[in-house]
Amino acid sequence: MTDTRKWSAVLDTMPPEAPRLRVEGQVYAPSPGYTARLVPIETPDGPSEVLELALVLAPPQHPDTQVLTWIDVTQRFERARDAPLLHTVIIREGDATLASIPVEVVA
């Protein structure tokens, strides 16, 4: 399981734009050349106030010196105006839960 830290989730609901969710954190990677992104997981049976995201790590295109390092991950998601208000974002890696983040709502 990948080590992660410093997660935050902020839902900006201020008009005139559609609601925007920003999820940020850090991931411990084998080298600085890795990239990380968050991908929504379809959970039809899950509560609509919870968003589950899969952490996807991609190795560098060219071999790099193996130096364990913290890399930043930031992902933005637009939400429909009529979507239920989020209260939790869950970060997963496979079946493991890496983080459960309370959502801060900015109105």
C-alpha atoms as a PDB file:
ATOM      1  CA  MET A   1       0.000   0.000   0.000  1.00  0.00           C
ATOM      2  CA  THR A   2       1.277   3.428  -0.971  1.00  0.00           C
ATOM      3  CA  ASP A   3       1.961   5.974   1.784  1.00  0.00           C
ATOM      4  CA  THR A   4       0.048   9.232   1.457  1.00  0.00           C
ATOM      5  CA  ARG A   5      -0.403  12.372   3.545  1.00  0.00           C
ATOM      6  CA  LYS A   6      -1.755  15.935   3.709  1.00  0.00           C
ATOM      7  CA  TRP A   7      -5.108  15.251   2.001  1.00  0.00           C
ATOM      8  CA  SER A   8      -7.726  17.964   1.632  1.00  0.00           C
ATOM      9  CA  ALA A   9     -10.981  18.275  -0.306  1.00  0.00           C
ATOM     10  CA  VAL A  10     -12.646  21.638  -0.959  1.00  0.00           C
ATOM     11  CA  LEU A  11     -15.992  21.993  -2.739  1.00  0.00           C
ATOM     12  CA  ASP A  12     -16.452  25.509  -4.124  1.00  0.00           C
ATOM     13  CA  THR A  13     -20.174  26.131  -4.696  1.00  0.00           C
ATOM     14  CA  MET A  14     -19.955  29.864  -5.362  1.00  0.00           C
ATOM     15  CA  PRO A  15     -21.908  30.916  -8.498  1.00  0.00           C
ATOM     16  CA  PRO A  16     -21.887  31.627 -11.342  1.00  0.00           C
ATOM     17  CA  GLU A  17     -19.708  28.599 -12.157  1.00  0.00           C
ATOM     18  CA  ALA A  18     -20.764  25.009 -11.578  1.00  0.00           C
ATOM     19  CA  PRO A  19     -19.615  23.505  -8.250  1.00  0.00           C
ATOM     20  CA  ARG A  20     -15.939  22.537  -8.313  1.00  0.00           C
ATOM     21  CA  LEU A  21     -14.185  20.002  -6.121  1.00  0.00           C
ATOM     22  CA  ARG A  22     -10.419  20.221  -5.564  1.00  0.00           C
ATOM     23  CA  VAL A  23      -8.684  17.241  -3.963  1.00  0.00           C
ATOM     24  CA  GLU A  24      -5.019  17.574  -2.964  1.00  0.00           C
ATOM     25  CA  GLY A  25      -2.494  15.423  -1.179  1.00  0.00           C
ATOM     26  CA  GLN A  26       0.951  13.865  -1.354  1.00  0.00           C
ATOM     27  CA  VAL A  27       2.049  10.386  -2.386  1.00  0.00           C
ATOM     28  CA  TYR A  28       5.319   8.620  -1.507  1.00  0.00           C
ATOM     29  CA  ALA A  29       6.818   7.509  -4.842  1.00  0.00           C
ATOM     30  CA  PRO A  30       9.925   5.480  -5.786  1.00  0.00           C
ATOM     31  CA  SER A  31      11.418   8.440  -7.690  1.00  0.00           C
ATOM     32  CA  PRO A  32      10.659  12.079  -8.481  1.00  0.00           C
ATOM     33  CA  GLY A  33       9.662  11.205 -12.083  1.00  0.00           C
ATOM     34  CA  TYR A  34       6.432   9.476 -11.038  1.00  0.00           C
ATOM     35  CA  THR A  35       3.084  11.166 -11.586  1.00  0.00           C
ATOM     36  CA  ALA A  36      -0.103  10.606  -9.624  1.00  0.00           C
ATOM     37  CA  ARG A  37      -3.716  11.211 -10.519  1.00  0.00           C
ATOM     38  CA  LEU A  38      -7.120  10.502  -9.036  1.00  0.00           C
ATOM     39  CA  VAL A  39      -9.817   8.730 -11.034  1.00  0.00           C
ATOM     40  CA  PRO A  40     -13.474   8.495  -9.965  1.00  0.00           C
ATOM     41  CA  ILE A  41     -14.661   5.008  -9.037  1.00  0.00           C
ATOM     42  CA  GLU A  42     -18.203   4.128 -10.090  1.00  0.00           C
ATOM     43  CA  THR A  43     -20.078   3.020  -6.973  1.00  0.00           C
ATOM     44  CA  PRO A  44     -23.750   2.686  -7.947  1.00  0.00           C
ATOM     45  CA  ASP A  45     -24.691   1.296  -4.519  1.00  0.00           C
ATOM     46  CA  GLY A  46     -22.669   3.841  -2.528  1.00  0.00           C
ATOM     47  CA  PRO A  47     -24.100   6.966  -0.899  1.00  0.00           C
ATOM     48  CA  SER A  48     -24.270   9.934  -3.268  1.00  0.00           C
ATOM     49  CA  GLU A  49     -22.674  12.210  -0.631  1.00  0.00           C
ATOM     50  CA  VAL A  50     -19.436  10.192  -0.819  1.00  0.00           C
ATOM     51  CA  LEU A  51     -17.007  10.302  -3.745  1.00  0.00           C
ATOM     52  CA  GLU A  52     -14.550   7.433  -4.136  1.00  0.00           C
ATOM     53  CA  LEU A  53     -11.348   8.043  -6.090  1.00  0.00           C
ATOM     54  CA  ALA A  54      -8.671   5.593  -7.202  1.00  0.00           C
ATOM     55  CA  LEU A  55      -5.049   6.665  -6.832  1.00  0.00           C
ATOM     56  CA  VAL A  56      -3.143   5.887 -10.037  1.00  0.00           C
ATOM     57  CA  LEU A  57       0.669   6.116 -10.021  1.00  0.00           C
ATOM     58  CA  ALA A  58       2.495   6.253 -13.355  1.00  0.00           C
ATOM     59  CA  PRO A  59       6.239   5.577 -13.603  1.00  0.00           C
ATOM     60  CA  PRO A  60       8.512   7.986 -15.480  1.00  0.00           C
ATOM     61  CA  GLN A  61       8.995   7.434 -19.225  1.00  0.00           C
ATOM     62  CA  HIS A  62      12.745   7.326 -18.746  1.00  0.00           C
ATOM     63  CA  PRO A  63      14.492   5.480 -15.915  1.00  0.00           C
ATOM     64  CA  ASP A  64      15.314   7.741 -13.017  1.00  0.00           C
ATOM     65  CA  THR A  65      17.440   7.364  -9.924  1.00  0.00           C
ATOM     66  CA  GLN A  66      15.509   5.526  -7.232  1.00  0.00           C
ATOM     67  CA  VAL A  67      15.042   8.122  -4.516  1.00  0.00           C
ATOM     68  CA  LEU A  68      11.906   7.821  -2.443  1.00  0.00           C
ATOM     69  CA  THR A  69      10.179  11.176  -2.552  1.00  0.00           C
ATOM     70  CA  TRP A  70       6.851  12.836  -1.796  1.00  0.00           C
ATOM     71  CA  ILE A  71       5.042  14.005  -4.933  1.00  0.00           C
ATOM     72  CA  ASP A  72       2.021  16.279  -5.061  1.00  0.00           C
ATOM     73  CA  VAL A  73      -1.302  15.161  -6.486  1.00  0.00           C
ATOM     74  CA  THR A  74      -4.017  17.691  -7.290  1.00  0.00           C
ATOM     75  CA  GLN A  75      -7.196  16.871  -9.134  1.00  0.00           C
ATOM     76  CA  ARG A  76     -10.208  19.037  -9.930  1.00  0.00           C
ATOM     77  CA  PHE A  77     -13.706  17.758 -10.646  1.00  0.00           C
ATOM     78  CA  GLU A  78     -16.785  19.665 -11.780  1.00  0.00           C
ATOM     79  CA  ARG A  79     -20.064  18.748 -10.079  1.00  0.00           C
ATOM     80  CA  ALA A  80     -23.577  19.212 -11.394  1.00  0.00           C
ATOM     81  CA  ARG A  81     -25.565  21.956  -9.631  1.00  0.00           C
ATOM     82  CA  ASP A  82     -28.243  19.425  -8.700  1.00  0.00           C
ATOM     83  CA  ALA A  83     -25.740  16.825  -7.415  1.00  0.00           C
ATOM     84  CA  PRO A  84     -25.983  15.977  -3.705  1.00  0.00           C
ATOM     85  CA  LEU A  85     -23.617  17.948  -1.491  1.00  0.00           C
ATOM     86  CA  LEU A  86     -20.469  15.905  -0.850  1.00  0.00           C
ATOM     87  CA  HIS A  87     -19.368  15.314   2.723  1.00  0.00           C
ATOM     88  CA  THR A  88     -16.567  12.743   2.242  1.00  0.00           C
ATOM     89  CA  VAL A  89     -13.942  11.826  -0.358  1.00  0.00           C
ATOM     90  CA  ILE A  90     -12.359   8.386  -0.087  1.00  0.00           C
ATOM     91  CA  ILE A  91      -8.992   7.675  -1.719  1.00  0.00           C
ATOM     92  CA  ARG A  92      -8.449   4.023  -2.658  1.00  0.00           C
ATOM     93  CA  GLU A  93      -5.646   1.914  -4.027  1.00  0.00           C
ATOM     94  CA  GLY A  94      -7.126  -1.387  -5.139  1.00  0.00           C
ATOM     95  CA  ASP A  95      -9.257  -2.635  -2.236  1.00  0.00           C
ATOM     96  CA  ALA A  96      -7.308  -0.605   0.336  1.00  0.00           C
ATOM     97  CA  THR A  97      -8.538   2.733   1.686  1.00  0.00           C
ATOM     98  CA  LEU A  98      -5.666   5.227   1.802  1.00  0.00           C
ATOM     99  CA  ALA A  99      -7.634   8.197   3.150  1.00  0.00           C
ATOM    100  CA  SER A 100     -11.110   9.322   4.121  1.00  0.00           C
ATOM    101  CA  ILE A 101     -11.287  13.102   3.776  1.00  0.00           C
ATOM    102  CA  PRO A 102     -14.044  15.376   5.088  1.00  0.00           C
ATOM    103  CA  VAL A 103     -15.115  17.861   2.419  1.00  0.00           C
ATOM    104  CA  GLU A 104     -14.872  21.567   3.238  1.00  0.00           C
ATOM    105  CA  VAL A 105     -17.676  23.440   1.478  1.00  0.00           C
ATOM    106  CA  VAL A 106     -17.057  27.031   0.379  1.00  0.00           C
ATOM    107  CA  ALA A 107     -20.240  28.933  -0.448  1.00  0.00           C
END
